[in-house]
């Protein structure tokens, strides 16, 4: 891991810990804080699920397109090879 990667990871971890500390030290009751954390976690889960589904869909489409191109190229190559042999 390079120094730049370590710095970025440190910043991300620091931001996450700061957010958690801010929520836990907020002047709300424990019940309110737990509800807030659960709500944010649910929102995060929904966002991650949506992004994951979108990414899987794009990768599936890309794989299908790539497979089609490979099959077309393979067919063209086989035709050229057959023409070459027959010539």
PDB file of N, CA and C in Angstrom:
ATOM      1  N   UNK A   1       0.855  -1.169   0.000  1.00  0.00           N
ATOM      2  CA  UNK A   1       0.000   0.000   0.000  1.00  0.00           C
ATOM      3  C   UNK A   1       0.903   1.235   0.000  1.00  0.00           C
ATOM      4  N   UNK A   2       0.637   2.154  -0.930  1.00  0.00           N
ATOM      5  CA  UNK A   2       1.467   3.351  -1.034  1.00  0.00           C
ATOM      6  C   UNK A   2       1.077   4.352   0.045  1.00  0.00           C
ATOM      7  N   UNK A   3       1.921   5.340   0.212  1.00  0.00           N
ATOM      8  CA  UNK A   3       1.647   6.372   1.210  1.00  0.00           C
ATOM      9  C   UNK A   3       0.365   7.137   0.897  1.00  0.00           C
ATOM     10  N   UNK A   4       0.127   7.395  -0.392  1.00  0.00           N
ATOM     11  CA  UNK A   4      -1.089   8.103  -0.785  1.00  0.00           C
ATOM     12  C   UNK A   4      -2.325   7.297  -0.406  1.00  0.00           C
ATOM     13  N   UNK A   5      -2.274   5.994  -0.629  1.00  0.00           N
ATOM     14  CA  UNK A   5      -3.404   5.133  -0.280  1.00  0.00           C
ATOM     15  C   UNK A   5      -3.621   5.116   1.236  1.00  0.00           C
ATOM     16  N   UNK A   6      -2.527   5.118   1.986  1.00  0.00           N
ATOM     17  CA  UNK A   6      -2.637   5.136   3.450  1.00  0.00           C
ATOM     18  C   UNK A   6      -3.265   6.436   3.927  1.00  0.00           C
ATOM     19  N   UNK A   7      -2.886   7.542   3.320  1.00  0.00           N
ATOM     20  CA  UNK A   7      -3.443   8.839   3.702  1.00  0.00           C
ATOM     21  C   UNK A   7      -4.936   8.879   3.394  1.00  0.00           C
ATOM     22  N   UNK A   8      -5.323   8.420   2.215  1.00  0.00           N
ATOM     23  CA  UNK A   8      -6.739   8.415   1.835  1.00  0.00           C
ATOM     24  C   UNK A   8      -7.532   7.514   2.768  1.00  0.00           C
ATOM     25  N   UNK A   9      -7.007   6.323   3.069  1.00  0.00           N
ATOM     26  CA  UNK A   9      -7.678   5.413   3.990  1.00  0.00           C
ATOM     27  C   UNK A   9      -7.808   6.045   5.372  1.00  0.00           C
ATOM     28  N   UNK A  10      -6.781   6.735   5.818  1.00  0.00           N
ATOM     29  CA  UNK A  10      -6.818   7.420   7.113  1.00  0.00           C
ATOM     30  C   UNK A  10      -7.872   8.506   7.146  1.00  0.00           C
ATOM     31  N   UNK A  11      -7.983   9.262   6.065  1.00  0.00           N
ATOM     32  CA  UNK A  11      -8.999  10.325   5.992  1.00  0.00           C
ATOM     33  C   UNK A  11     -10.397   9.739   6.029  1.00  0.00           C
ATOM     34  N   UNK A  12     -10.612   8.661   5.282  1.00  0.00           N
ATOM     35  CA  UNK A  12     -11.928   8.025   5.248  1.00  0.00           C
ATOM     36  C   UNK A  12     -12.290   7.467   6.622  1.00  0.00           C
ATOM     37  N   UNK A  13     -11.344   6.776   7.252  1.00  0.00           N
ATOM     38  CA  UNK A  13     -11.601   6.221   8.591  1.00  0.00           C
ATOM     39  C   UNK A  13     -11.851   7.334   9.603  1.00  0.00           C
ATOM     40  N   UNK A  14     -11.081   8.395   9.515  1.00  0.00           N
ATOM     41  CA  UNK A  14     -11.269   9.524  10.428  1.00  0.00           C
ATOM     42  C   UNK A  14     -12.630  10.171  10.259  1.00  0.00           C
ATOM     43  N   UNK A  15     -13.057  10.321   9.013  1.00  0.00           N
ATOM     44  CA  UNK A  15     -14.375  10.913   8.750  1.00  0.00           C
ATOM     45  C   UNK A  15     -15.483  10.022   9.295  1.00  0.00           C
ATOM     46  N   UNK A  16     -15.342   8.710   9.092  1.00  0.00           N
ATOM     47  CA  UNK A  16     -16.357   7.775   9.589  1.00  0.00           C
ATOM     48  C   UNK A  16     -16.418   7.793  11.111  1.00  0.00           C
ATOM     49  N   UNK A  17     -15.259   7.767  11.739  1.00  0.00           N
ATOM     50  CA  UNK A  17     -15.233   7.808  13.204  1.00  0.00           C
ATOM     51  C   UNK A  17     -15.778   9.133  13.730  1.00  0.00           C
ATOM     52  N   UNK A  18     -15.489  10.217  13.045  1.00  0.00           N
ATOM     53  CA  UNK A  18     -16.021  11.514  13.446  1.00  0.00           C
ATOM     54  C   UNK A  18     -17.535  11.560  13.337  1.00  0.00           C
ATOM     55  N   UNK A  19     -18.076  10.976  12.272  1.00  0.00           N
ATOM     56  CA  UNK A  19     -19.528  10.943  12.102  1.00  0.00           C
ATOM     57  C   UNK A  19     -20.185  10.117  13.200  1.00  0.00           C
ATOM     58  N   UNK A  20     -19.594   8.964  13.519  1.00  0.00           N
ATOM     59  CA  UNK A  20     -20.137   8.117  14.582  1.00  0.00           C
ATOM     60  C   UNK A  20     -20.060   8.838  15.923  1.00  0.00           C
ATOM     61  N   UNK A  21     -18.935   9.464  16.206  1.00  0.00           N
ATOM     62  CA  UNK A  21     -18.794  10.199  17.469  1.00  0.00           C
ATOM     63  C   UNK A  21     -19.794  11.346  17.537  1.00  0.00           C
ATOM     64  N   UNK A  22     -20.012  12.038  16.431  1.00  0.00           N
ATOM     65  CA  UNK A  22     -20.977  13.132  16.411  1.00  0.00           C
ATOM     66  C   UNK A  22     -22.388  12.653  16.704  1.00  0.00           C
ATOM     67  N   UNK A  23     -22.740  11.510  16.142  1.00  0.00           N
ATOM     68  CA  UNK A  23     -24.079  10.961  16.393  1.00  0.00           C
ATOM     69  C   UNK A  23     -24.212  10.530  17.846  1.00  0.00           C
ATOM     70  N   UNK A  24     -23.186   9.838  18.354  1.00  0.00           N
ATOM     71  CA  UNK A  24     -23.263   9.319  19.719  1.00  0.00           C
ATOM     72  C   UNK A  24     -23.199  10.420  20.780  1.00  0.00           C
ATOM     73  N   UNK A  25     -22.552  11.505  20.453  1.00  0.00           N
ATOM     74  CA  UNK A  25     -22.428  12.593  21.432  1.00  0.00           C
ATOM     75  C   UNK A  25     -23.476  13.682  21.243  1.00  0.00           C
ATOM     76  N   UNK A  26     -24.370  13.487  20.314  1.00  0.00           N
ATOM     77  CA  UNK A  26     -25.426  14.478  20.058  1.00  0.00           C
ATOM     78  C   UNK A  26     -26.360  14.549  21.270  1.00  0.00           C
ATOM     79  N   UNK A  27     -26.953  15.716  21.494  1.00  0.00           N
ATOM     80  CA  UNK A  27     -27.813  15.892  22.667  1.00  0.00           C
ATOM     81  C   UNK A  27     -29.215  15.299  22.471  1.00  0.00           C
ATOM     82  N   UNK A  28     -29.282  14.067  22.006  1.00  0.00           N
ATOM     83  CA  UNK A  28     -30.555  13.379  21.850  1.00  0.00           C
ATOM     84  C   UNK A  28     -30.583  12.200  22.811  1.00  0.00           C
ATOM     85  N   UNK A  29     -31.771  11.685  23.059  1.00  0.00           N
ATOM     86  CA  UNK A  29     -31.876  10.519  23.923  1.00  0.00           C
ATOM     87  C   UNK A  29     -31.294   9.314  23.192  1.00  0.00           C
ATOM     88  N   UNK A  30     -30.993   8.284  23.947  1.00  0.00           N
ATOM     89  CA  UNK A  30     -30.443   7.070  23.349  1.00  0.00           C
ATOM     90  C   UNK A  30     -31.396   6.460  22.338  1.00  0.00           C
ATOM     91  N   UNK A  31     -32.689   6.492  22.648  1.00  0.00           N
ATOM     92  CA  UNK A  31     -33.681   5.929  21.735  1.00  0.00           C
ATOM     93  C   UNK A  31     -33.707   6.693  20.418  1.00  0.00           C
ATOM     94  N   UNK A  32     -33.665   8.017  20.506  1.00  0.00           N
ATOM     95  CA  UNK A  32     -33.642   8.850  19.294  1.00  0.00           C
ATOM     96  C   UNK A  32     -32.384   8.573  18.473  1.00  0.00           C
ATOM     97  N   UNK A  33     -31.265   8.452  19.154  1.00  0.00           N
ATOM     98  CA  UNK A  33     -30.003   8.190  18.469  1.00  0.00           C
ATOM     99  C   UNK A  33     -30.037   6.843  17.772  1.00  0.00           C
ATOM    100  N   UNK A  34     -30.554   5.829  18.458  1.00  0.00           N
ATOM    101  CA  UNK A  34     -30.645   4.492  17.848  1.00  0.00           C
ATOM    102  C   UNK A  34     -31.563   4.511  16.629  1.00  0.00           C
ATOM    103  N   UNK A  35     -32.683   5.233  16.720  1.00  0.00           N
ATOM    104  CA  UNK A  35     -33.595   5.343  15.578  1.00  0.00           C
ATOM    105  C   UNK A  35     -32.893   6.032  14.406  1.00  0.00           C
ATOM    106  N   UNK A  36     -32.152   7.075  14.728  1.00  0.00           N
ATOM    107  CA  UNK A  36     -31.437   7.827  13.697  1.00  0.00           C
ATOM    108  C   UNK A  36     -30.379   6.956  13.023  1.00  0.00           C
ATOM    109  N   UNK A  37     -29.631   6.201  13.833  1.00  0.00           N
ATOM    110  CA  UNK A  37     -28.600   5.310  13.292  1.00  0.00           C
ATOM    111  C   UNK A  37     -29.247   4.234  12.419  1.00  0.00           C
ATOM    112  N   UNK A  38     -30.352   3.652  12.895  1.00  0.00           N
ATOM    113  CA  UNK A  38     -31.047   2.623  12.124  1.00  0.00           C
ATOM    114  C   UNK A  38     -31.566   3.184  10.808  1.00  0.00           C
ATOM    115  N   UNK A  39     -32.092   4.392  10.854  1.00  0.00           N
ATOM    116  CA  UNK A  39     -32.603   5.027   9.639  1.00  0.00           C
ATOM    117  C   UNK A  39     -31.477   5.274   8.630  1.00  0.00           C
ATOM    118  N   UNK A  40     -30.374   5.810   9.114  1.00  0.00           N
ATOM    119  CA  UNK A  40     -29.224   6.063   8.229  1.00  0.00           C
ATOM    120  C   UNK A  40     -28.667   4.761   7.680  1.00  0.00           C
ATOM    121  N   UNK A  41     -28.616   3.723   8.516  1.00  0.00           N
ATOM    122  CA  UNK A  41     -28.122   2.425   8.051  1.00  0.00           C
ATOM    123  C   UNK A  41     -29.051   1.860   6.983  1.00  0.00           C
ATOM    124  N   UNK A  42     -30.342   2.007   7.169  1.00  0.00           N
ATOM    125  CA  UNK A  42     -31.306   1.549   6.168  1.00  0.00           C
ATOM    126  C   UNK A  42     -31.148   2.299   4.858  1.00  0.00           C
ATOM    127  N   UNK A  43     -30.974   3.618   4.955  1.00  0.00           N
ATOM    128  CA  UNK A  43     -30.757   4.426   3.752  1.00  0.00           C
ATOM    129  C   UNK A  43     -29.480   3.994   3.030  1.00  0.00           C
ATOM    130  N   UNK A  44     -28.430   3.768   3.796  1.00  0.00           N
ATOM    131  CA  UNK A  44     -27.163   3.340   3.220  1.00  0.00           C
ATOM    132  C   UNK A  44     -27.317   1.982   2.546  1.00  0.00           C
ATOM    133  N   UNK A  45     -28.019   1.066   3.196  1.00  0.00           N
ATOM    134  CA  UNK A  45     -28.260  -0.263   2.623  1.00  0.00           C
ATOM    135  C   UNK A  45     -29.026  -0.142   1.305  1.00  0.00           C
ATOM    136  N   UNK A  46     -30.055   0.697   1.290  1.00  0.00           N
ATOM    137  CA  UNK A  46     -30.836   0.881   0.063  1.00  0.00           C
ATOM    138  C   UNK A  46     -29.979   1.453  -1.061  1.00  0.00           C
ATOM    139  N   UNK A  47     -29.157   2.449  -0.739  1.00  0.00           N
ATOM    140  CA  UNK A  47     -28.271   3.047  -1.747  1.00  0.00           C
ATOM    141  C   UNK A  47     -27.261   2.034  -2.277  1.00  0.00           C
ATOM    142  N   UNK A  48     -26.672   1.261  -1.366  1.00  0.00           N
ATOM    143  CA  UNK A  48     -25.695   0.260  -1.784  1.00  0.00           C
ATOM    144  C   UNK A  48     -26.348  -0.820  -2.650  1.00  0.00           C
ATOM    145  N   UNK A  49     -27.552  -1.235  -2.266  1.00  0.00           N
ATOM    146  CA  UNK A  49     -28.269  -2.245  -3.047  1.00  0.00           C
ATOM    147  C   UNK A  49     -28.568  -1.723  -4.445  1.00  0.00           C
ATOM    148  N   UNK A  50     -29.033  -0.474  -4.529  1.00  0.00           N
ATOM    149  CA  UNK A  50     -29.341   0.121  -5.828  1.00  0.00           C
ATOM    150  C   UNK A  50     -28.081   0.215  -6.693  1.00  0.00           C
ATOM    151  N   UNK A  51     -26.984   0.673  -6.102  1.00  0.00           N
ATOM    152  CA  UNK A  51     -25.730   0.794  -6.845  1.00  0.00           C
ATOM    153  C   UNK A  51     -25.195  -0.564  -7.267  1.00  0.00           C
ATOM    154  N   UNK A  52     -25.308  -1.554  -6.388  1.00  0.00           N
ATOM    155  CA  UNK A  52     -24.844  -2.896  -6.720  1.00  0.00           C
ATOM    156  C   UNK A  52     -25.665  -3.480  -7.862  1.00  0.00           C
ATOM    157  N   UNK A  53     -26.979  -3.339  -7.795  1.00  0.00           N
ATOM    158  CA  UNK A  53     -27.835  -3.850  -8.865  1.00  0.00           C
ATOM    159  C   UNK A  53     -27.533  -3.165 -10.190  1.00  0.00           C
ATOM    160  N   UNK A  54     -27.302  -1.867 -10.155  1.00  0.00           N
ATOM    161  CA  UNK A  54     -26.962  -1.123 -11.358  1.00  0.00           C
ATOM    162  C   UNK A  54     -25.634  -1.605 -11.939  1.00  0.00           C
ATOM    163  N   UNK A  55     -24.659  -1.807 -11.077  1.00  0.00           N
ATOM    164  CA  UNK A  55     -23.345  -2.268 -11.518  1.00  0.00           C
ATOM    165  C   UNK A  55     -23.429  -3.672 -12.104  1.00  0.00           C
ATOM    166  N   UNK A  56     -24.166  -4.549 -11.451  1.00  0.00           N
ATOM    167  CA  UNK A  56     -24.329  -5.919 -11.959  1.00  0.00           C
ATOM    168  C   UNK A  56     -25.006  -5.892 -13.323  1.00  0.00           C
ATOM    169  N   UNK A  57     -26.011  -5.035 -13.471  1.00  0.00           N
ATOM    170  CA  UNK A  57     -26.716  -4.922 -14.741  1.00  0.00           C
ATOM    171  C   UNK A  57     -25.776  -4.445 -15.849  1.00  0.00           C
ATOM    172  N   UNK A  58     -24.976  -3.416 -15.542  1.00  0.00           N
ATOM    173  CA  UNK A  58     -24.035  -2.902 -16.539  1.00  0.00           C
ATOM    174  C   UNK A  58     -22.981  -3.943 -16.899  1.00  0.00           C
ATOM    175  N   UNK A  59     -22.474  -4.662 -15.893  1.00  0.00           N
ATOM    176  CA  UNK A  59     -21.470  -5.695 -16.162  1.00  0.00           C
ATOM    177  C   UNK A  59     -22.057  -6.841 -16.978  1.00  0.00           C
ATOM    178  N   UNK A  60     -23.290  -7.198 -16.682  1.00  0.00           N
ATOM    179  CA  UNK A  60     -23.962  -8.259 -17.440  1.00  0.00           C
ATOM    180  C   UNK A  60     -24.123  -7.840 -18.895  1.00  0.00           C
ATOM    181  N   UNK A  61     -24.547  -6.601 -19.099  1.00  0.00           N
ATOM    182  CA  UNK A  61     -24.703  -6.083 -20.453  1.00  0.00           C
ATOM    183  C   UNK A  61     -23.361  -6.049 -21.181  1.00  0.00           C
ATOM    184  N   UNK A  62     -22.340  -5.608 -20.499  1.00  0.00           N
ATOM    185  CA  UNK A  62     -21.000  -5.558 -21.082  1.00  0.00           C
ATOM    186  C   UNK A  62     -20.510  -6.959 -21.437  1.00  0.00           C
ATOM    187  N   UNK A  63     -20.746  -7.919 -20.553  1.00  0.00           N
ATOM    188  CA  UNK A  63     -20.327  -9.299 -20.818  1.00  0.00           C
ATOM    189  C   UNK A  63     -21.069  -9.854 -22.027  1.00  0.00           C
ATOM    190  N   UNK A  64     -22.373  -9.575 -22.126  1.00  0.00           N
ATOM    191  CA  UNK A  64     -23.158 -10.048 -23.262  1.00  0.00           C
ATOM    192  C   UNK A  64     -22.640  -9.437 -24.559  1.00  0.00           C
ATOM    193  N   UNK A  65     -22.388  -8.144 -24.555  1.00  0.00           N
ATOM    194  CA  UNK A  65     -21.861  -7.466 -25.749  1.00  0.00           C
ATOM    195  C   UNK A  65     -20.498  -8.021 -26.142  1.00  0.00           C
ATOM    196  N   UNK A  66     -19.646  -8.223 -25.154  1.00  0.00           N
ATOM    197  CA  UNK A  66     -18.300  -8.745 -25.419  1.00  0.00           C
ATOM    198  C   UNK A  66     -18.376 -10.158 -25.983  1.00  0.00           C
ATOM    199  N   UNK A  67     -19.229 -10.990 -25.402  1.00  0.00           N
ATOM    200  CA  UNK A  67     -19.388 -12.355 -25.909  1.00  0.00           C
ATOM    201  C   UNK A  67     -19.882 -12.350 -27.352  1.00  0.00           C
ATOM    202  N   UNK A  68     -20.816 -11.470 -27.652  1.00  0.00           N
ATOM    203  CA  UNK A  68     -21.334 -11.361 -29.017  1.00  0.00           C
ATOM    204  C   UNK A  68     -20.224 -10.954 -29.979  1.00  0.00           C
ATOM    205  N   UNK A  69     -19.407  -9.992 -29.590  1.00  0.00           N
ATOM    206  CA  UNK A  69     -18.298  -9.547 -30.445  1.00  0.00           C
ATOM    207  C   UNK A  69     -17.276 -10.669 -30.660  1.00  0.00           C
ATOM    208  N   UNK A  70     -16.992 -11.404 -29.598  1.00  0.00           N
ATOM    209  CA  UNK A  70     -16.039 -12.508 -29.707  1.00  0.00           C
ATOM    210  C   UNK A  70     -16.587 -13.581 -30.642  1.00  0.00           C
ATOM    211  N   UNK A  71     -17.876 -13.883 -30.508  1.00  0.00           N
ATOM    212  CA  UNK A  71     -18.478 -14.892 -31.382  1.00  0.00           C
ATOM    213  C   UNK A  71     -18.458 -14.435 -32.837  1.00  0.00           C
ATOM    214  N   UNK A  72     -18.764 -13.165 -33.083  1.00  0.00           N
ATOM    215  CA  UNK A  72     -18.725 -12.630 -34.447  1.00  0.00           C
ATOM    216  C   UNK A  72     -17.313 -12.681 -35.012  1.00  0.00           C
ATOM    217  N   UNK A  73     -16.359 -12.268 -34.203  1.00  0.00           N
ATOM    218  CA  UNK A  73     -14.956 -12.293 -34.654  1.00  0.00           C
ATOM    219  C   UNK A  73     -14.511 -13.720 -34.929  1.00  0.00           C
ATOM    220  N   UNK A  74     -14.929 -14.629 -34.076  1.00  0.00           N
ATOM    221  CA  UNK A  74     -14.581 -16.039 -34.243  1.00  0.00           C
ATOM    222  C   UNK A  74     -15.166 -16.587 -35.538  1.00  0.00           C
ATOM    223  N   UNK A  75     -16.415 -16.234 -35.821  1.00  0.00           N
ATOM    224  CA  UNK A  75     -17.056 -16.689 -37.068  1.00  0.00           C
ATOM    225  C   UNK A  75     -16.331 -16.124 -38.282  1.00  0.00           C
ATOM    226  N   UNK A  76     -15.978 -14.845 -38.241  1.00  0.00           N
ATOM    227  CA  UNK A  76     -15.264 -14.220 -39.358  1.00  0.00           C
ATOM    228  C   UNK A  76     -13.898 -14.862 -39.558  1.00  0.00           C
ATOM    229  N   UNK A  77     -13.228 -15.138 -38.450  1.00  0.00           N
ATOM    230  CA  UNK A  77     -11.916 -15.770 -38.529  1.00  0.00           C
ATOM    231  C   UNK A  77     -12.034 -17.182 -39.113  1.00  0.00           C
ATOM    232  N   UNK A  78     -13.045 -17.915 -38.714  1.00  0.00           N
ATOM    233  CA  UNK A  78     -13.256 -19.263 -39.250  1.00  0.00           C
ATOM    234  C   UNK A  78     -13.548 -19.206 -40.747  1.00  0.00           C
ATOM    235  N   UNK A  79     -14.344 -18.232 -41.188  1.00  0.00           N
ATOM    236  CA  UNK A  79     -14.644 -18.075 -42.615  1.00  0.00           C
ATOM    237  C   UNK A  79     -13.373 -17.770 -43.400  1.00  0.00           C
ATOM    238  N   UNK A  80     -12.564 -16.853 -42.872  1.00  0.00           N
ATOM    239  CA  UNK A  80     -11.316 -16.491 -43.556  1.00  0.00           C
ATOM    240  C   UNK A  80     -10.363 -17.674 -43.611  1.00  0.00           C
ATOM    241  N   UNK A  81     -10.324 -18.455 -42.554  1.00  0.00           N
ATOM    242  CA  UNK A  81      -9.452 -19.631 -42.525  1.00  0.00           C
ATOM    243  C   UNK A  81      -9.929 -20.646 -43.561  1.00  0.00           C
ATOM    244  N   UNK A  82     -11.249 -20.826 -43.644  1.00  0.00           N
ATOM    245  CA  UNK A  82     -11.799 -21.770 -44.618  1.00  0.00           C
ATOM    246  C   UNK A  82     -11.518 -21.289 -46.041  1.00  0.00           C
ATOM    247  N   UNK A  83     -11.657 -19.997 -46.290  1.00  0.00           N
ATOM    248  CA  UNK A  83     -11.367 -19.434 -47.623  1.00  0.00           C
ATOM    249  C   UNK A  83      -9.895 -19.621 -47.945  1.00  0.00           C
ATOM    250  N   UNK A  84      -9.066 -19.455 -46.960  1.00  0.00           N
ATOM    251  CA  UNK A  84      -7.632 -19.572 -47.141  1.00  0.00           C
ATOM    252  C   UNK A  84      -7.250 -20.999 -47.501  1.00  0.00           C
ATOM    253  N   UNK A  85      -7.883 -21.941 -46.833  1.00  0.00           N
ATOM    254  CA  UNK A  85      -7.597 -23.346 -47.100  1.00  0.00           C
ATOM    255  C   UNK A  85      -8.116 -23.755 -48.460  1.00  0.00           C
ATOM    256  N   UNK A  86      -9.279 -23.234 -48.859  1.00  0.00           N
ATOM    257  CA  UNK A  86      -9.894 -23.583 -50.136  1.00  0.00           C
ATOM    258  C   UNK A  86      -9.219 -22.905 -51.324  1.00  0.00           C
ATOM    259  N   UNK A  87      -8.419 -21.893 -51.062  1.00  0.00           N
ATOM    260  CA  UNK A  87      -7.780 -21.158 -52.174  1.00  0.00           C
ATOM    261  C   UNK A  87      -6.567 -21.840 -52.707  1.00  0.00           C
TER     262      UNK A  87
END
